[in-house]
Amino acid sequence: MDKETEEFSVLRLSERGNTYVEDVVAREWPLTIVLNNRELATLLCSPTNLTYLAIGFLLSEGLLKSKDDIKRITVDEQRGVARVETGEDEDSEGEVLFRRFITSGCGRGVSFYNVTDVQDQAKVESSLEVSKPEILTLVREFQHRSQTYRTTGGVHSAALCDTSEVLVFSEDIGRHNAIDKIVGECVLNGIATADRILLTSGRISSEILLKVARRNIPMIVSKSAPTSLGLKLAVDLGVTLVGFVRGRRMNVYTHDWRVSRDGH
């Protein structure tokens, strides 16, 4: 059994009868992120690629600007603690975190962005174009990547792609976490995100869209649905949003010039 799953004995009821079987479930793990000796947040996640997750979370939330901000990263996987040190002035950092904590409610889970983050976010400029057959091919490859999902049905997936192949893949019990792991891996390993496509298995809400725009990614594709605010941000920030990719169908909600009509 790997780090991402556990086995449990369950009573299975079916038309063939009732029997106890060993079932495989996705493992859930708490990761506490400590930024400059201040406990920032505890994420409930899959216990893999925790360094990527911690750094990706801080980048996505605007608490890190680049890899150059990072002085030291230490991750204690047994205790579930990631410590990140930067060169930020602690007093000014404290003011930013206080402001963000006050405005981060609405039951959206752990996220600190507010309206000023959107106002300050530059529009994504990219001439990327992709065809419908290319999107369908990428989604098919994406759906076959996650062994954990096929085993448990209990995780989300995310991937960074060019127009022909999946470049980076991640999975996690949380849709936000799966994307943050992509962000962290790309930034720490110098993998470019501009002019790329982000695939996700989850709903595209406003905070997901902002994560994408912050990495200058011009297109996000999902088999699931967007929210109204996610769509409005996509329009304003220049991101092509494609949802409900199922079978040979898809909905292109915003900036549809990036998706060519050629092919079937």
C-alpha atoms as a PDB file:
ATOM      1  CA  MET A   1       0.000   0.000   0.000  1.00  0.00           C
ATOM      2  CA  ASP A   2       1.452   3.433  -0.924  1.00  0.00           C
ATOM      3  CA  LYS A   3       1.483   6.701   1.028  1.00  0.00           C
ATOM      4  CA  GLU A   4      -1.666   7.995  -0.686  1.00  0.00           C
ATOM      5  CA  THR A   5      -4.021   5.152   0.266  1.00  0.00           C
ATOM      6  CA  GLU A   6      -5.090   2.945   3.175  1.00  0.00           C
ATOM      7  CA  GLU A   7      -7.110  -0.260   3.400  1.00  0.00           C
ATOM      8  CA  PHE A   8     -10.269  -0.592   5.500  1.00  0.00           C
ATOM      9  CA  SER A   9     -12.566  -3.517   6.086  1.00  0.00           C
ATOM     10  CA  VAL A  10     -16.089  -2.639   4.959  1.00  0.00           C
ATOM     11  CA  LEU A  11     -19.439  -4.397   4.715  1.00  0.00           C
ATOM     12  CA  ARG A  12     -20.399  -4.438   1.049  1.00  0.00           C
ATOM     13  CA  LEU A  13     -24.109  -4.813   0.307  1.00  0.00           C
ATOM     14  CA  SER A  14     -25.092  -5.810  -3.224  1.00  0.00           C
ATOM     15  CA  GLU A  15     -27.608  -7.815  -5.221  1.00  0.00           C
ATOM     16  CA  ARG A  16     -25.207 -10.765  -4.958  1.00  0.00           C
ATOM     17  CA  GLY A  17     -25.269 -10.708  -1.183  1.00  0.00           C
ATOM     18  CA  ASN A  18     -23.526  -9.109   1.770  1.00  0.00           C
ATOM     19  CA  THR A  19     -19.860  -9.627   2.526  1.00  0.00           C
ATOM     20  CA  TYR A  20     -16.914  -8.020   4.271  1.00  0.00           C
ATOM     21  CA  VAL A  21     -14.148  -6.886   1.906  1.00  0.00           C
ATOM     22  CA  GLU A  22     -10.930  -4.856   2.087  1.00  0.00           C
ATOM     23  CA  ASP A  23     -11.516  -1.472   0.456  1.00  0.00           C
ATOM     24  CA  VAL A  24      -8.901   1.092  -0.524  1.00  0.00           C
ATOM     25  CA  VAL A  25      -9.483   4.734   0.435  1.00  0.00           C
ATOM     26  CA  ALA A  26      -7.537   7.946  -0.141  1.00  0.00           C
ATOM     27  CA  ARG A  27      -5.386   8.970   2.808  1.00  0.00           C
ATOM     28  CA  GLU A  28      -6.038  12.398   4.362  1.00  0.00           C
ATOM     29  CA  TRP A  29      -3.182  14.176   6.116  1.00  0.00           C
ATOM     30  CA  PRO A  30      -2.831  17.553   7.902  1.00  0.00           C
ATOM     31  CA  LEU A  31       0.042  19.793   6.779  1.00  0.00           C
ATOM     32  CA  THR A  32       0.714  22.890   8.879  1.00  0.00           C
ATOM     33  CA  ILE A  33       2.567  25.647   7.031  1.00  0.00           C
ATOM     34  CA  VAL A  34       4.796  27.856   9.183  1.00  0.00           C
ATOM     35  CA  LEU A  35       6.019  31.012   7.454  1.00  0.00           C
ATOM     36  CA  ASN A  36       8.897  32.813   9.181  1.00  0.00           C
ATOM     37  CA  ASN A  37       8.049  31.124  12.502  1.00  0.00           C
ATOM     38  CA  ARG A  38       4.371  32.126  12.274  1.00  0.00           C
ATOM     39  CA  GLU A  39       1.823  29.329  11.972  1.00  0.00           C
ATOM     40  CA  LEU A  40      -0.114  30.301   8.868  1.00  0.00           C
ATOM     41  CA  ALA A  41      -2.539  27.522   7.920  1.00  0.00           C
ATOM     42  CA  THR A  42      -3.214  23.814   8.169  1.00  0.00           C
ATOM     43  CA  LEU A  43      -4.105  22.136   4.880  1.00  0.00           C
ATOM     44  CA  LEU A  44      -5.863  18.789   4.697  1.00  0.00           C
ATOM     45  CA  CYS A  45      -4.124  17.003   1.865  1.00  0.00           C
ATOM     46  CA  SER A  46      -2.696  13.814   0.396  1.00  0.00           C
ATOM     47  CA  PRO A  47       0.676  13.121   2.083  1.00  0.00           C
ATOM     48  CA  THR A  48       2.861  13.355  -1.040  1.00  0.00           C
ATOM     49  CA  ASN A  49       4.938  16.157  -2.577  1.00  0.00           C
ATOM     50  CA  LEU A  50       4.486  18.257   0.550  1.00  0.00           C
ATOM     51  CA  THR A  51       7.315  20.644  -0.329  1.00  0.00           C
ATOM     52  CA  TYR A  52       5.664  21.426  -3.660  1.00  0.00           C
ATOM     53  CA  LEU A  53       2.330  21.895  -1.889  1.00  0.00           C
ATOM     54  CA  ALA A  54       3.680  24.296   0.749  1.00  0.00           C
ATOM     55  CA  ILE A  55       5.569  26.457  -1.741  1.00  0.00           C
ATOM     56  CA  GLY A  56       2.753  26.335  -4.290  1.00  0.00           C
ATOM     57  CA  PHE A  57       0.238  27.425  -1.656  1.00  0.00           C
ATOM     58  CA  LEU A  58       2.357  30.400  -0.615  1.00  0.00           C
ATOM     59  CA  LEU A  59       2.911  31.421  -4.227  1.00  0.00           C
ATOM     60  CA  SER A  60      -0.753  31.022  -5.144  1.00  0.00           C
ATOM     61  CA  GLU A  61      -1.818  33.125  -2.166  1.00  0.00           C
ATOM     62  CA  GLY A  62       0.668  35.881  -3.044  1.00  0.00           C
ATOM     63  CA  LEU A  63       2.741  35.355   0.109  1.00  0.00           C
ATOM     64  CA  LEU A  64       5.763  34.490  -2.042  1.00  0.00           C
ATOM     65  CA  LYS A  65       6.527  36.241  -5.322  1.00  0.00           C
ATOM     66  CA  SER A  66       9.198  33.912  -6.714  1.00  0.00           C
ATOM     67  CA  LYS A  67      11.703  31.202  -5.865  1.00  0.00           C
ATOM     68  CA  ASP A  68      14.181  33.958  -4.970  1.00  0.00           C
ATOM     69  CA  ASP A  69      12.082  34.865  -1.911  1.00  0.00           C
ATOM     70  CA  ILE A  70      12.806  31.485  -0.308  1.00  0.00           C
ATOM     71  CA  LYS A  71      15.762  31.223   2.073  1.00  0.00           C
ATOM     72  CA  ARG A  72      15.054  27.781   3.531  1.00  0.00           C
ATOM     73  CA  ILE A  73      12.420  25.021   3.333  1.00  0.00           C
ATOM     74  CA  THR A  74      12.164  22.172   5.814  1.00  0.00           C
ATOM     75  CA  VAL A  75       9.373  19.587   5.783  1.00  0.00           C
ATOM     76  CA  ASP A  76       8.742  17.154   8.632  1.00  0.00           C
ATOM     77  CA  GLU A  77       6.547  14.538   6.957  1.00  0.00           C
ATOM     78  CA  GLN A  78       5.993  12.579  10.172  1.00  0.00           C
ATOM     79  CA  ARG A  79       4.652  15.576  12.110  1.00  0.00           C
ATOM     80  CA  GLY A  80       3.063  17.204   9.073  1.00  0.00           C
ATOM     81  CA  VAL A  81       4.841  20.546   9.333  1.00  0.00           C
ATOM     82  CA  ALA A  82       6.395  22.623   6.521  1.00  0.00           C
ATOM     83  CA  ARG A  83       8.611  25.526   7.610  1.00  0.00           C
ATOM     84  CA  VAL A  84       9.449  28.223   5.090  1.00  0.00           C
ATOM     85  CA  GLU A  85      11.825  31.117   5.756  1.00  0.00           C
ATOM     86  CA  THR A  86      12.033  34.225   3.597  1.00  0.00           C
ATOM     87  CA  GLY A  87      13.829  37.547   3.688  1.00  0.00           C
ATOM     88  CA  GLU A  88      10.612  39.460   4.435  1.00  0.00           C
ATOM     89  CA  ASP A  89      10.481  42.006   7.211  1.00  0.00           C
ATOM     90  CA  GLU A  90       8.393  40.373   9.955  1.00  0.00           C
ATOM     91  CA  ASP A  91       6.473  43.520  10.933  1.00  0.00           C
ATOM     92  CA  SER A  92       5.316  44.295   7.411  1.00  0.00           C
ATOM     93  CA  GLU A  93       4.575  40.630   6.806  1.00  0.00           C
ATOM     94  CA  GLY A  94       2.455  40.533   9.949  1.00  0.00           C
ATOM     95  CA  GLU A  95       0.338  43.427   8.718  1.00  0.00           C
ATOM     96  CA  VAL A  96      -0.280  41.670   5.392  1.00  0.00           C
ATOM     97  CA  LEU A  97      -1.251  38.389   7.037  1.00  0.00           C
ATOM     98  CA  PHE A  98      -3.554  40.142   9.503  1.00  0.00           C
ATOM     99  CA  ARG A  99      -5.354  41.944   6.694  1.00  0.00           C
ATOM    100  CA  ARG A 100      -5.708  38.742   4.724  1.00  0.00           C
ATOM    101  CA  PHE A 101      -7.015  36.700   7.635  1.00  0.00           C
ATOM    102  CA  ILE A 102      -9.729  39.286   8.344  1.00  0.00           C
ATOM    103  CA  THR A 103     -10.994  39.142   4.751  1.00  0.00           C
ATOM    104  CA  SER A 104     -10.756  35.416   4.082  1.00  0.00           C
ATOM    105  CA  GLY A 105     -14.138  34.150   5.281  1.00  0.00           C
ATOM    106  CA  CYS A 106     -17.193  33.034   3.280  1.00  0.00           C
ATOM    107  CA  GLY A 107     -16.611  29.350   4.001  1.00  0.00           C
ATOM    108  CA  ARG A 108     -14.184  28.909   1.100  1.00  0.00           C
ATOM    109  CA  GLY A 109     -11.589  26.949   3.025  1.00  0.00           C
ATOM    110  CA  VAL A 110      -8.042  28.222   3.411  1.00  0.00           C
ATOM    111  CA  SER A 111      -7.537  31.188   1.102  1.00  0.00           C
ATOM    112  CA  PHE A 112      -6.409  34.717   1.857  1.00  0.00           C
ATOM    113  CA  TYR A 113      -7.087  36.641  -1.328  1.00  0.00           C
ATOM    114  CA  ASN A 114      -9.336  39.694  -1.456  1.00  0.00           C
ATOM    115  CA  VAL A 115     -10.518  42.243  -3.972  1.00  0.00           C
ATOM    116  CA  THR A 116      -7.171  44.078  -4.083  1.00  0.00           C
ATOM    117  CA  ASP A 117      -5.456  40.884  -5.227  1.00  0.00           C
ATOM    118  CA  VAL A 118      -7.725  40.782  -8.275  1.00  0.00           C
ATOM    119  CA  GLN A 119      -7.297  44.483  -8.989  1.00  0.00           C
ATOM    120  CA  ASP A 120      -3.514  44.152  -8.829  1.00  0.00           C
ATOM    121  CA  GLN A 121      -3.374  41.041 -11.023  1.00  0.00           C
ATOM    122  CA  ALA A 122      -2.091  41.720 -14.540  1.00  0.00           C
ATOM    123  CA  LYS A 123      -4.084  40.415 -17.476  1.00  0.00           C
ATOM    124  CA  VAL A 124      -2.671  37.247 -19.062  1.00  0.00           C
ATOM    125  CA  GLU A 125      -1.229  38.039 -22.488  1.00  0.00           C
ATOM    126  CA  SER A 126      -0.692  34.980 -24.680  1.00  0.00           C
ATOM    127  CA  SER A 127      -1.163  34.054 -28.326  1.00  0.00           C
ATOM    128  CA  LEU A 128      -1.651  30.365 -27.439  1.00  0.00           C
ATOM    129  CA  GLU A 129      -4.145  28.559 -29.672  1.00  0.00           C
ATOM    130  CA  VAL A 130      -5.256  24.939 -29.417  1.00  0.00           C
ATOM    131  CA  SER A 131      -7.696  22.812 -31.402  1.00  0.00           C
ATOM    132  CA  LYS A 132     -10.658  20.850 -30.091  1.00  0.00           C
ATOM    133  CA  PRO A 133      -8.992  17.477 -30.976  1.00  0.00           C
ATOM    134  CA  GLU A 134      -5.846  18.532 -29.096  1.00  0.00           C
ATOM    135  CA  ILE A 135      -7.878  19.360 -25.991  1.00  0.00           C
ATOM    136  CA  LEU A 136      -9.706  16.024 -26.154  1.00  0.00           C
ATOM    137  CA  THR A 137      -6.416  14.130 -26.538  1.00  0.00           C
ATOM    138  CA  LEU A 138      -4.900  15.920 -23.532  1.00  0.00           C
ATOM    139  CA  VAL A 139      -7.973  15.241 -21.400  1.00  0.00           C
ATOM    140  CA  ARG A 140      -7.928  11.530 -22.291  1.00  0.00           C
ATOM    141  CA  GLU A 141      -4.257  11.266 -21.293  1.00  0.00           C
ATOM    142  CA  PHE A 142      -4.977  13.241 -18.133  1.00  0.00           C
ATOM    143  CA  GLN A 143      -7.824  10.956 -17.078  1.00  0.00           C
ATOM    144  CA  HIS A 144      -5.641   7.857 -17.398  1.00  0.00           C
ATOM    145  CA  ARG A 145      -2.784   9.296 -15.314  1.00  0.00           C
ATOM    146  CA  SER A 146      -4.287   8.959 -11.830  1.00  0.00           C
ATOM    147  CA  GLN A 147      -3.922   5.461 -10.464  1.00  0.00           C
ATOM    148  CA  THR A 148      -5.054   6.712  -7.053  1.00  0.00           C
ATOM    149  CA  TYR A 149      -8.347   7.988  -8.485  1.00  0.00           C
ATOM    150  CA  ARG A 150      -8.979   4.718 -10.299  1.00  0.00           C
ATOM    151  CA  THR A 151      -8.303   2.841  -7.069  1.00  0.00           C
ATOM    152  CA  THR A 152     -10.176   5.045  -4.605  1.00  0.00           C
ATOM    153  CA  GLY A 153     -12.332   7.576  -6.484  1.00  0.00           C
ATOM    154  CA  GLY A 154     -11.287   9.984  -3.737  1.00  0.00           C
ATOM    155  CA  VAL A 155      -8.767  12.445  -5.217  1.00  0.00           C
ATOM    156  CA  HIS A 156      -8.603  15.365  -7.619  1.00  0.00           C
ATOM    157  CA  SER A 157      -6.009  15.718 -10.376  1.00  0.00           C
ATOM    158  CA  ALA A 158      -4.262  18.634 -12.053  1.00  0.00           C
ATOM    159  CA  ALA A 159      -1.765  18.858 -14.896  1.00  0.00           C
ATOM    160  CA  LEU A 160       0.286  21.422 -16.786  1.00  0.00           C
ATOM    161  CA  CYS A 161       0.364  20.786 -20.530  1.00  0.00           C
ATOM    162  CA  ASP A 162       1.511  22.197 -23.798  1.00  0.00           C
ATOM    163  CA  THR A 163      -0.693  21.605 -26.838  1.00  0.00           C
ATOM    164  CA  SER A 164       0.538  18.035 -27.327  1.00  0.00           C
ATOM    165  CA  GLU A 165       1.381  16.409 -23.980  1.00  0.00           C
ATOM    166  CA  VAL A 166       1.106  16.467 -20.206  1.00  0.00           C
ATOM    167  CA  LEU A 167       4.258  18.031 -18.740  1.00  0.00           C
ATOM    168  CA  VAL A 168       3.569  17.934 -14.983  1.00  0.00           C
ATOM    169  CA  PHE A 169       0.901  15.913 -13.159  1.00  0.00           C
ATOM    170  CA  SER A 170      -0.309  15.918  -9.562  1.00  0.00           C
ATOM    171  CA  GLU A 171      -3.169  14.608  -7.474  1.00  0.00           C
ATOM    172  CA  ASP A 172      -4.549  15.336  -4.031  1.00  0.00           C
ATOM    173  CA  ILE A 173      -7.739  14.973  -2.024  1.00  0.00           C
ATOM    174  CA  GLY A 174      -8.200  18.741  -2.530  1.00  0.00           C
ATOM    175  CA  ARG A 175      -8.639  20.389  -5.941  1.00  0.00           C
ATOM    176  CA  HIS A 176      -6.805  23.496  -4.693  1.00  0.00           C
ATOM    177  CA  ASN A 177      -3.943  21.391  -3.356  1.00  0.00           C
ATOM    178  CA  ALA A 178      -3.505  19.520  -6.632  1.00  0.00           C
ATOM    179  CA  ILE A 179      -3.027  22.831  -8.464  1.00  0.00           C
ATOM    180  CA  ASP A 180      -0.728  24.230  -5.778  1.00  0.00           C
ATOM    181  CA  LYS A 181       1.478  21.141  -6.129  1.00  0.00           C
ATOM    182  CA  ILE A 182       1.777  21.917  -9.849  1.00  0.00           C
ATOM    183  CA  VAL A 183       2.682  25.538  -9.049  1.00  0.00           C
ATOM    184  CA  GLY A 184       5.286  24.539  -6.475  1.00  0.00           C
ATOM    185  CA  GLU A 185       6.924  21.941  -8.704  1.00  0.00           C
ATOM    186  CA  CYS A 186       7.114  24.321 -11.658  1.00  0.00           C
ATOM    187  CA  VAL A 187       8.597  27.212  -9.676  1.00  0.00           C
ATOM    188  CA  LEU A 188      11.106  25.118  -7.716  1.00  0.00           C
ATOM    189  CA  ASN A 189      12.261  23.213 -10.824  1.00  0.00           C
ATOM    190  CA  GLY A 190      12.245  26.103 -13.285  1.00  0.00           C
ATOM    191  CA  ILE A 191       9.398  24.772 -15.463  1.00  0.00           C
ATOM    192  CA  ALA A 192       7.758  27.550 -17.478  1.00  0.00           C
ATOM    193  CA  THR A 193       4.013  28.042 -17.049  1.00  0.00           C
ATOM    194  CA  ALA A 194       3.419  30.848 -19.555  1.00  0.00           C
ATOM    195  CA  ASP A 195       1.717  29.754 -22.803  1.00  0.00           C
ATOM    196  CA  ARG A 196       0.638  26.492 -21.157  1.00  0.00           C
ATOM    197  CA  ILE A 197      -2.691  24.831 -20.382  1.00  0.00           C
ATOM    198  CA  LEU A 198      -3.823  23.797 -16.914  1.00  0.00           C
ATOM    199  CA  LEU A 199      -6.101  20.756 -16.647  1.00  0.00           C
ATOM    200  CA  THR A 200      -8.127  20.149 -13.508  1.00  0.00           C
ATOM    201  CA  SER A 201     -10.702  17.572 -12.481  1.00  0.00           C
ATOM    202  CA  GLY A 202     -12.465  20.032 -10.204  1.00  0.00           C
ATOM    203  CA  ARG A 203     -14.847  22.966 -10.293  1.00  0.00           C
ATOM    204  CA  ILE A 204     -13.315  26.233 -11.556  1.00  0.00           C
ATOM    205  CA  SER A 205     -14.109  28.825  -8.906  1.00  0.00           C
ATOM    206  CA  SER A 206     -12.682  32.320  -8.505  1.00  0.00           C
ATOM    207  CA  GLU A 207      -9.708  31.352  -6.343  1.00  0.00           C
ATOM    208  CA  ILE A 208      -8.758  28.583  -8.784  1.00  0.00           C
ATOM    209  CA  LEU A 209      -8.891  31.079 -11.643  1.00  0.00           C
ATOM    210  CA  LEU A 210      -6.696  33.531  -9.722  1.00  0.00           C
ATOM    211  CA  LYS A 211      -4.096  30.811  -9.075  1.00  0.00           C
ATOM    212  CA  VAL A 212      -3.938  30.226 -12.839  1.00  0.00           C
ATOM    213  CA  ALA A 213      -3.668  33.916 -13.719  1.00  0.00           C
ATOM    214  CA  ARG A 214      -0.886  34.455 -11.175  1.00  0.00           C
ATOM    215  CA  ARG A 215       1.260  31.931 -13.060  1.00  0.00           C
ATOM    216  CA  ASN A 216       0.440  33.618 -16.412  1.00  0.00           C
ATOM    217  CA  ILE A 217      -1.347  30.489 -17.662  1.00  0.00           C
ATOM    218  CA  PRO A 218      -3.724  31.490 -20.486  1.00  0.00           C
ATOM    219  CA  MET A 219      -6.074  28.472 -20.478  1.00  0.00           C
ATOM    220  CA  ILE A 220      -7.752  26.243 -17.895  1.00  0.00           C
ATOM    221  CA  VAL A 221      -9.691  23.108 -18.865  1.00  0.00           C
ATOM    222  CA  SER A 222     -11.951  20.985 -16.658  1.00  0.00           C
ATOM    223  CA  LYS A 223     -14.426  18.145 -16.969  1.00  0.00           C
ATOM    224  CA  SER A 224     -16.425  19.996 -14.317  1.00  0.00           C
ATOM    225  CA  ALA A 225     -18.234  23.350 -14.126  1.00  0.00           C
ATOM    226  CA  PRO A 226     -17.155  26.945 -13.527  1.00  0.00           C
ATOM    227  CA  THR A 227     -18.761  29.352 -11.069  1.00  0.00           C
ATOM    228  CA  SER A 228     -20.102  32.781 -12.021  1.00  0.00           C
ATOM    229  CA  LEU A 229     -17.265  34.672 -10.322  1.00  0.00           C
ATOM    230  CA  GLY A 230     -14.721  32.303 -11.852  1.00  0.00           C
ATOM    231  CA  LEU A 231     -16.127  33.194 -15.281  1.00  0.00           C
ATOM    232  CA  LYS A 232     -16.088  36.923 -14.583  1.00  0.00           C
ATOM    233  CA  LEU A 233     -12.449  36.781 -13.494  1.00  0.00           C
ATOM    234  CA  ALA A 234     -11.552  34.728 -16.574  1.00  0.00           C
ATOM    235  CA  VAL A 235     -13.045  37.451 -18.780  1.00  0.00           C
ATOM    236  CA  ASP A 236     -11.260  40.253 -16.925  1.00  0.00           C
ATOM    237  CA  LEU A 237      -7.890  38.484 -16.639  1.00  0.00           C
ATOM    238  CA  GLY A 238      -7.671  37.180 -20.207  1.00  0.00           C
ATOM    239  CA  VAL A 239      -7.945  33.461 -19.390  1.00  0.00           C
ATOM    240  CA  THR A 240      -9.692  30.998 -21.708  1.00  0.00           C
ATOM    241  CA  LEU A 241     -11.958  28.809 -19.573  1.00  0.00           C
ATOM    242  CA  VAL A 242     -13.147  25.468 -20.947  1.00  0.00           C
ATOM    243  CA  GLY A 243     -15.535  23.332 -18.899  1.00  0.00           C
ATOM    244  CA  PHE A 244     -17.637  20.173 -19.094  1.00  0.00           C
ATOM    245  CA  VAL A 245     -15.149  18.352 -21.329  1.00  0.00           C
ATOM    246  CA  ARG A 246     -16.934  15.024 -21.636  1.00  0.00           C
ATOM    247  CA  GLY A 247     -16.864  12.601 -24.527  1.00  0.00           C
ATOM    248  CA  ARG A 248     -16.367  14.785 -27.589  1.00  0.00           C
ATOM    249  CA  ARG A 249     -18.140  17.832 -26.171  1.00  0.00           C
ATOM    250  CA  MET A 250     -16.966  20.895 -24.278  1.00  0.00           C
ATOM    251  CA  ASN A 251     -18.088  24.400 -23.353  1.00  0.00           C
ATOM    252  CA  VAL A 252     -15.719  27.279 -24.142  1.00  0.00           C
ATOM    253  CA  TYR A 253     -16.888  30.042 -21.825  1.00  0.00           C
ATOM    254  CA  THR A 254     -14.357  32.849 -22.267  1.00  0.00           C
ATOM    255  CA  HIS A 255     -11.839  34.102 -24.841  1.00  0.00           C
ATOM    256  CA  ASP A 256     -12.904  31.395 -27.282  1.00  0.00           C
ATOM    257  CA  TRP A 257     -10.509  32.648 -30.004  1.00  0.00           C
ATOM    258  CA  ARG A 258      -7.839  30.445 -28.423  1.00  0.00           C
ATOM    259  CA  VAL A 259      -9.792  27.289 -29.351  1.00  0.00           C
ATOM    260  CA  SER A 260      -9.800  26.649 -33.102  1.00  0.00           C
ATOM    261  CA  ARG A 261     -12.908  25.225 -34.757  1.00  0.00           C
ATOM    262  CA  ASP A 262     -10.901  22.872 -36.975  1.00  0.00           C
ATOM    263  CA  GLY A 263     -11.335  19.110 -36.528  1.00  0.00           C
ATOM    264  CA  HIS A 264     -14.224  17.128 -35.082  1.00  0.00           C
END
